[in-house]
Amino acid sequence: TYCQWSHFNNDDPIVFPNQPGKAHLHMFFGNTQTNAFTTDDSLVNTGGGSCEGYAANRTGYWVPAMQNKNNEVMLPISILIYYKTQGMANVEQFQELPQGLKMLSGNSKATSPQTNLPSEFKCAANGDPNSPETIHSKVIPTCPIGGILRMVVVFPNCWDGKNLDSPDHKSHMSYSYNTGGSNNQILCPSTHPVKLPVIEEILDYKITSNTASWFLSSDVQADGKILPGGTTLHADWYGGWNSTIMTNWTNNCIRKKMNCSPGILNNGRALAGQNSVQPYKGPYAVSIK
């Protein structure tokens, strides 16, 4: 499903609930009213939506702001969210994402590249991040001006089946793992046996200046020093899908292993189409106070 960025603030209702301004600068999409005071109830029942389907998907999505050497915020020209099976077997066992589930991917406190996670940055000289010439990196690579920098965030999809959150906001979730060998399978660990759709966020940024000086707002340390750009790559997800719509795409797309892009529900209906969420036309960098 396609999204458009909605708003910026220094809030984080998962890590710093009821503490406005406590976090680094975040870019929000999905629910248009997500802030420090967001609750399970307010998420599902209030606010608009900046993704296909509008109020059908009031999920809160947020990532650290991408910034350049002038501290301007770089705005994505495209945001695409995938919900998928990621090659796991027994698709009929996939469960709906529970309402109010809170998830983090990555570590905002990392001080070195997060090589243990599937999230990454991509760019290519021809502007196609999926081409054979693509550069893959755990930090923001130096990319040619005029091309596209792609930020890819992959969330864990194995749930403990009990907790919608945990003290570290991570322990209730786990990544699936590959067994390897001749009987290769992708499985959930026994501690987190419930299969949920894999959520992958893809944000594309038009490269208008030297990316060697780009960084995430969370890369800025307490002493003002900036880590290599992208070191703290992370994202947050706070579930607020309309229950009926989520049941439709879980049953008709995930459990049937169908390609339902973009926003097709595979039941003769679709979320408001791609054209209703227009790609961003610029300016590509703005000052956010």
Protein backbone atom coordinates (compact mmCIF):
# COMPACT_ATOMS: atom_id res chain seq x y z
CA THR A 1 0.00 0.00 0.00
CA TYR A 2 1.24 3.50 -0.85
CA CYS A 3 1.51 6.25 1.75
CA GLN A 4 2.41 9.93 1.95
CA TRP A 5 4.20 11.59 4.85
CA SER A 6 1.78 13.28 7.23
CA HIS A 7 3.57 15.38 9.88
CA PHE A 8 6.70 15.87 11.96
CA ASN A 9 7.16 16.15 15.71
CA ASN A 10 9.49 15.13 18.53
CA ASP A 11 7.03 12.61 19.98
CA ASP A 12 7.09 8.83 20.30
CA PRO A 13 3.91 7.29 21.80
CA ILE A 14 5.59 3.88 22.15
CA VAL A 15 8.91 4.81 23.78
CA PHE A 16 7.86 8.09 25.43
CA PRO A 17 4.08 7.96 25.97
CA ASN A 18 2.55 11.17 27.37
CA GLN A 19 5.92 12.95 27.10
CA PRO A 20 5.64 15.43 24.21
CA GLY A 21 8.93 16.65 22.77
CA LYS A 22 10.97 13.92 24.48
CA ALA A 23 12.12 12.11 21.33
CA HIS A 24 14.28 12.99 18.35
CA LEU A 25 12.46 14.40 15.30
CA HIS A 26 10.17 11.85 13.68
CA MET A 27 8.36 11.78 10.35
CA PHE A 28 4.90 10.24 10.73
CA PHE A 29 2.66 8.63 8.14
CA GLY A 30 -0.59 6.68 8.42
CA ASN A 31 -2.71 8.19 11.19
CA THR A 32 -2.57 11.96 10.76
CA GLN A 33 -2.92 12.71 14.49
CA THR A 34 -0.27 10.42 15.99
CA ASN A 35 1.48 12.15 18.90
CA ALA A 36 2.78 11.53 22.42
CA PHE A 37 -0.77 11.12 23.76
CA THR A 38 -1.92 8.53 21.21
CA THR A 39 -3.63 5.48 22.73
CA ASP A 40 -5.07 2.27 21.28
CA ASP A 41 -8.52 3.88 21.29
CA SER A 42 -7.53 7.22 19.78
CA LEU A 43 -5.44 5.54 17.10
CA VAL A 44 -8.31 3.42 15.76
CA ASN A 45 -11.12 5.96 16.22
CA THR A 46 -9.63 9.39 15.45
CA GLY A 47 -7.44 11.02 12.83
CA GLY A 48 -7.33 10.66 9.09
CA GLY A 49 -4.96 8.46 7.13
CA SER A 50 -2.13 9.33 4.75
CA CYS A 51 -2.03 5.83 3.22
CA GLU A 52 -4.35 4.15 0.73
CA GLY A 53 -7.70 3.53 2.33
CA TYR A 54 -7.45 6.66 4.48
CA ALA A 55 -9.35 5.92 7.72
CA ALA A 56 -9.35 2.21 6.85
CA ASN A 57 -5.68 2.26 7.87
CA ARG A 58 -5.13 4.49 10.88
CA THR A 59 -1.98 2.60 11.81
CA GLY A 60 0.76 4.84 13.14
CA TYR A 61 4.04 4.58 11.21
CA TRP A 62 7.06 6.73 12.04
CA VAL A 63 10.76 6.92 11.24
CA PRO A 64 13.56 9.30 12.28
CA ALA A 65 13.75 12.36 10.06
CA MET A 66 16.34 12.23 7.25
CA GLN A 67 18.47 15.40 7.30
CA ASN A 68 21.26 17.01 5.27
CA LYS A 69 24.34 18.96 6.36
CA ASN A 70 22.23 22.15 6.63
CA ASN A 71 19.94 20.35 9.10
CA GLU A 72 17.13 20.54 6.56
CA VAL A 73 14.70 17.64 6.53
CA MET A 74 14.76 15.55 3.36
CA LEU A 75 11.25 14.54 2.31
CA PRO A 76 10.58 11.17 0.67
CA ILE A 77 9.14 11.18 -2.83
CA SER A 78 7.56 7.75 -2.23
CA ILE A 79 6.56 5.56 0.74
CA LEU A 80 5.52 1.98 0.08
CA ILE A 81 4.43 -0.50 2.77
CA TYR A 82 4.43 -4.24 2.13
CA TYR A 83 2.59 -6.82 4.24
CA LYS A 84 3.74 -10.24 3.08
CA THR A 85 4.50 -13.88 3.86
CA GLN A 86 8.23 -13.60 3.08
CA GLY A 87 8.41 -17.19 1.85
CA MET A 88 7.12 -18.84 5.02
CA ALA A 89 5.23 -22.10 4.60
CA ASN A 90 1.75 -22.97 5.92
CA VAL A 91 0.29 -19.59 5.02
CA GLU A 92 -3.06 -20.60 6.50
CA GLN A 93 -1.41 -20.26 9.94
CA PHE A 94 -0.77 -16.53 9.55
CA GLN A 95 -2.75 -14.50 12.08
CA GLU A 96 -4.15 -10.99 11.83
CA LEU A 97 -2.00 -8.27 13.34
CA PRO A 98 -3.59 -7.65 16.76
CA GLN A 99 -5.10 -4.21 17.28
CA GLY A 100 -2.85 -2.05 19.42
CA LEU A 101 0.28 -4.09 18.74
CA LYS A 102 3.41 -1.97 19.13
CA MET A 103 6.63 -2.83 17.33
CA LEU A 104 10.11 -1.44 16.88
CA SER A 105 12.62 -2.40 14.22
CA GLY A 106 16.24 -1.40 14.77
CA ASN A 107 18.00 0.42 17.58
CA SER A 108 17.86 4.21 17.96
CA LYS A 109 20.77 3.95 20.43
CA ALA A 110 23.09 1.98 18.14
CA THR A 111 26.67 3.27 17.90
CA SER A 112 27.82 0.99 15.09
CA PRO A 113 26.12 -0.34 11.92
CA GLN A 114 23.33 -2.82 12.70
CA THR A 115 24.62 -5.73 10.64
CA ASN A 116 22.36 -8.25 12.43
CA LEU A 117 19.15 -6.79 10.99
CA PRO A 118 17.62 -7.11 7.48
CA SER A 119 17.02 -3.34 7.20
CA GLU A 120 19.36 -1.41 4.88
CA PHE A 121 19.97 1.50 2.50
CA LYS A 122 20.24 1.18 -1.28
CA CYS A 123 21.22 3.38 -4.21
CA ALA A 124 22.33 2.99 -7.81
CA ALA A 125 23.86 5.30 -10.41
CA ASN A 126 20.96 4.73 -12.80
CA GLY A 127 18.42 5.71 -10.14
CA ASP A 128 16.95 2.19 -9.86
CA PRO A 129 17.63 0.77 -6.36
CA ASN A 130 16.70 -2.72 -7.61
CA SER A 131 19.23 -2.81 -10.48
CA PRO A 132 22.27 -5.12 -10.47
CA GLU A 133 24.50 -2.06 -9.89
CA THR A 134 22.75 -1.27 -6.62
CA ILE A 135 24.88 -0.38 -3.61
CA HIS A 136 23.66 -2.10 -0.42
CA SER A 137 24.75 -0.63 2.89
CA LYS A 138 23.87 -0.65 6.59
CA VAL A 139 24.63 3.08 6.71
CA ILE A 140 23.79 5.81 4.19
CA PRO A 141 26.09 5.24 1.20
CA THR A 142 27.55 7.93 -1.02
CA CYS A 143 25.09 8.04 -3.91
CA PRO A 144 25.14 10.00 -7.18
CA ILE A 145 23.16 13.25 -7.25
CA GLY A 146 20.02 12.86 -9.31
CA GLY A 147 19.47 9.26 -8.23
CA ILE A 148 17.37 7.69 -5.50
CA LEU A 149 18.36 6.76 -1.95
CA ARG A 150 16.13 3.95 -0.70
CA MET A 151 15.64 3.21 3.01
CA VAL A 152 14.28 -0.28 3.70
CA VAL A 153 13.02 -1.25 7.17
CA VAL A 154 11.87 -4.80 7.94
CA PHE A 155 9.91 -5.54 11.12
CA PRO A 156 9.92 -8.79 13.13
CA ASN A 157 6.91 -10.98 12.38
CA CYS A 158 6.87 -13.64 15.08
CA TRP A 159 4.74 -12.78 18.13
CA ASP A 160 4.65 -14.33 21.60
CA GLY A 161 0.86 -14.43 21.29
CA LYS A 162 0.29 -12.64 24.61
CA ASN A 163 1.79 -9.16 24.86
CA LEU A 164 1.00 -6.15 22.69
CA ASP A 165 4.14 -4.47 24.04
CA SER A 166 7.08 -5.22 26.34
CA PRO A 167 9.35 -3.10 28.57
CA ASP A 168 12.00 -2.81 25.83
CA HIS A 169 9.27 -2.70 23.13
CA LYS A 170 11.00 -5.61 21.38
CA SER A 171 10.94 -8.78 23.52
CA HIS A 172 7.34 -9.67 22.62
CA MET A 173 8.40 -9.94 18.96
CA SER A 174 11.08 -11.92 17.12
CA TYR A 175 12.33 -12.31 13.57
CA SER A 176 11.71 -15.59 11.78
CA TYR A 177 14.78 -17.66 10.98
CA ASN A 178 16.03 -19.86 8.15
CA THR A 179 16.76 -23.49 9.08
CA GLY A 180 19.15 -23.99 6.15
CA GLY A 181 20.20 -27.41 4.94
CA SER A 182 18.42 -29.62 2.43
CA ASN A 183 15.07 -29.19 4.16
CA ASN A 184 15.31 -25.41 4.21
CA GLN A 185 12.40 -23.69 5.95
CA ILE A 186 11.60 -20.25 7.37
CA LEU A 187 10.18 -20.67 10.86
CA CYS A 188 9.19 -18.75 13.96
CA PRO A 189 11.05 -19.62 17.20
CA SER A 190 9.13 -21.63 19.82
CA THR A 191 9.21 -18.61 22.16
CA HIS A 192 7.32 -16.53 19.57
CA PRO A 193 5.16 -19.08 17.72
CA VAL A 194 2.48 -16.82 16.20
CA LYS A 195 3.08 -15.93 12.55
CA LEU A 196 2.18 -12.38 11.59
CA PRO A 197 2.62 -10.74 8.17
CA VAL A 198 6.11 -9.37 7.55
CA ILE A 199 5.96 -5.57 7.36
CA GLU A 200 8.51 -3.91 5.08
CA GLU A 201 8.68 -0.14 4.68
CA ILE A 202 10.38 1.34 1.60
CA LEU A 203 11.08 5.07 1.56
CA ASP A 204 12.65 6.69 -1.51
CA TYR A 205 14.48 10.03 -1.32
CA LYS A 206 15.50 12.07 -4.35
CA ILE A 207 19.22 12.81 -4.11
CA THR A 208 19.73 16.55 -4.47
CA SER A 209 22.98 16.89 -2.51
CA ASN A 210 25.92 14.79 -1.36
CA THR A 211 24.51 11.91 0.70
CA ALA A 212 27.85 11.54 2.50
CA SER A 213 26.60 14.35 4.75
CA TRP A 214 23.04 13.02 5.21
CA PHE A 215 22.03 11.55 8.56
CA LEU A 216 19.02 10.47 10.61
CA SER A 217 17.82 12.66 13.47
CA SER A 218 18.58 9.77 15.85
CA ASP A 219 22.23 9.73 14.69
CA VAL A 220 22.82 12.97 16.62
CA GLN A 221 24.41 12.14 19.99
CA ALA A 222 23.85 13.92 23.31
CA ASP A 223 27.14 15.80 22.88
CA GLY A 224 26.10 17.01 19.43
CA LYS A 225 28.38 14.67 17.50
CA ILE A 226 26.82 12.85 14.56
CA LEU A 227 27.37 9.15 13.95
CA PRO A 228 27.92 7.90 10.39
CA GLY A 229 24.59 8.61 8.69
CA GLY A 230 22.05 5.83 9.12
CA THR A 231 23.81 4.05 12.01
CA THR A 232 20.62 4.24 14.10
CA LEU A 233 18.25 3.10 11.35
CA HIS A 234 14.96 2.15 13.03
CA ALA A 235 11.20 2.57 12.75
CA ASP A 236 8.04 2.22 14.83
CA TRP A 237 4.69 0.60 14.03
CA TYR A 238 1.49 0.97 16.08
CA GLY A 239 -1.40 -1.12 14.77
CA GLY A 240 -4.62 0.68 13.90
CA TRP A 241 -6.10 -1.00 10.82
CA ASN A 242 -9.87 -1.15 10.46
CA SER A 243 -10.61 -4.69 11.70
CA THR A 244 -12.92 -5.65 8.82
CA ILE A 245 -10.47 -4.46 6.18
CA MET A 246 -7.55 -6.24 7.88
CA THR A 247 -9.55 -9.47 8.07
CA ASN A 248 -10.22 -9.15 4.33
CA TRP A 249 -6.60 -8.77 3.27
CA THR A 250 -5.34 -11.35 5.77
CA ASN A 251 -7.79 -13.98 4.50
CA ASN A 252 -7.78 -13.11 0.81
CA CYS A 253 -4.15 -12.12 0.28
CA ILE A 254 -1.83 -13.44 3.01
CA ARG A 255 -3.52 -16.79 3.66
CA LYS A 256 -4.08 -17.36 -0.06
CA LYS A 257 -0.53 -16.32 -0.95
CA MET A 258 -1.83 -13.81 -3.47
CA ASN A 259 -0.15 -10.67 -4.81
CA CYS A 260 -2.61 -7.94 -3.86
CA SER A 261 -0.54 -4.88 -4.81
CA PRO A 262 -1.43 -2.08 -4.60
CA GLY A 263 -4.23 -2.12 -2.05
CA ILE A 264 -6.29 -4.88 -3.71
CA LEU A 265 -8.37 -6.89 -1.23
CA ASN A 266 -8.90 -9.83 -3.64
CA ASN A 267 -12.65 -9.81 -3.00
CA GLY A 268 -13.74 -7.47 -5.77
CA ARG A 269 -12.77 -4.41 -3.73
CA ALA A 270 -9.64 -2.33 -3.18
CA LEU A 271 -8.40 0.40 -0.91
CA ALA A 272 -8.49 3.90 -2.42
CA GLY A 273 -6.08 3.55 -5.34
CA GLN A 274 -2.49 4.63 -5.79
CA ASN A 275 -3.56 7.77 -7.62
CA SER A 276 -5.30 8.98 -4.47
CA VAL A 277 -1.98 9.05 -2.61
CA GLN A 278 0.04 11.26 -4.89
CA PRO A 279 3.84 10.94 -5.08
CA TYR A 280 5.53 13.92 -3.50
CA LYS A 281 6.55 16.58 -6.04
CA GLY A 282 8.88 18.70 -3.89
CA PRO A 283 10.52 20.71 -2.50
CA TYR A 284 12.68 17.82 -1.42
CA ALA A 285 14.26 19.57 1.59
CA VAL A 286 12.50 21.82 4.09
CA SER A 287 13.30 23.44 7.43
CA ILE A 288 11.38 21.93 10.34
CA LYS A 289 11.37 23.89 13.61
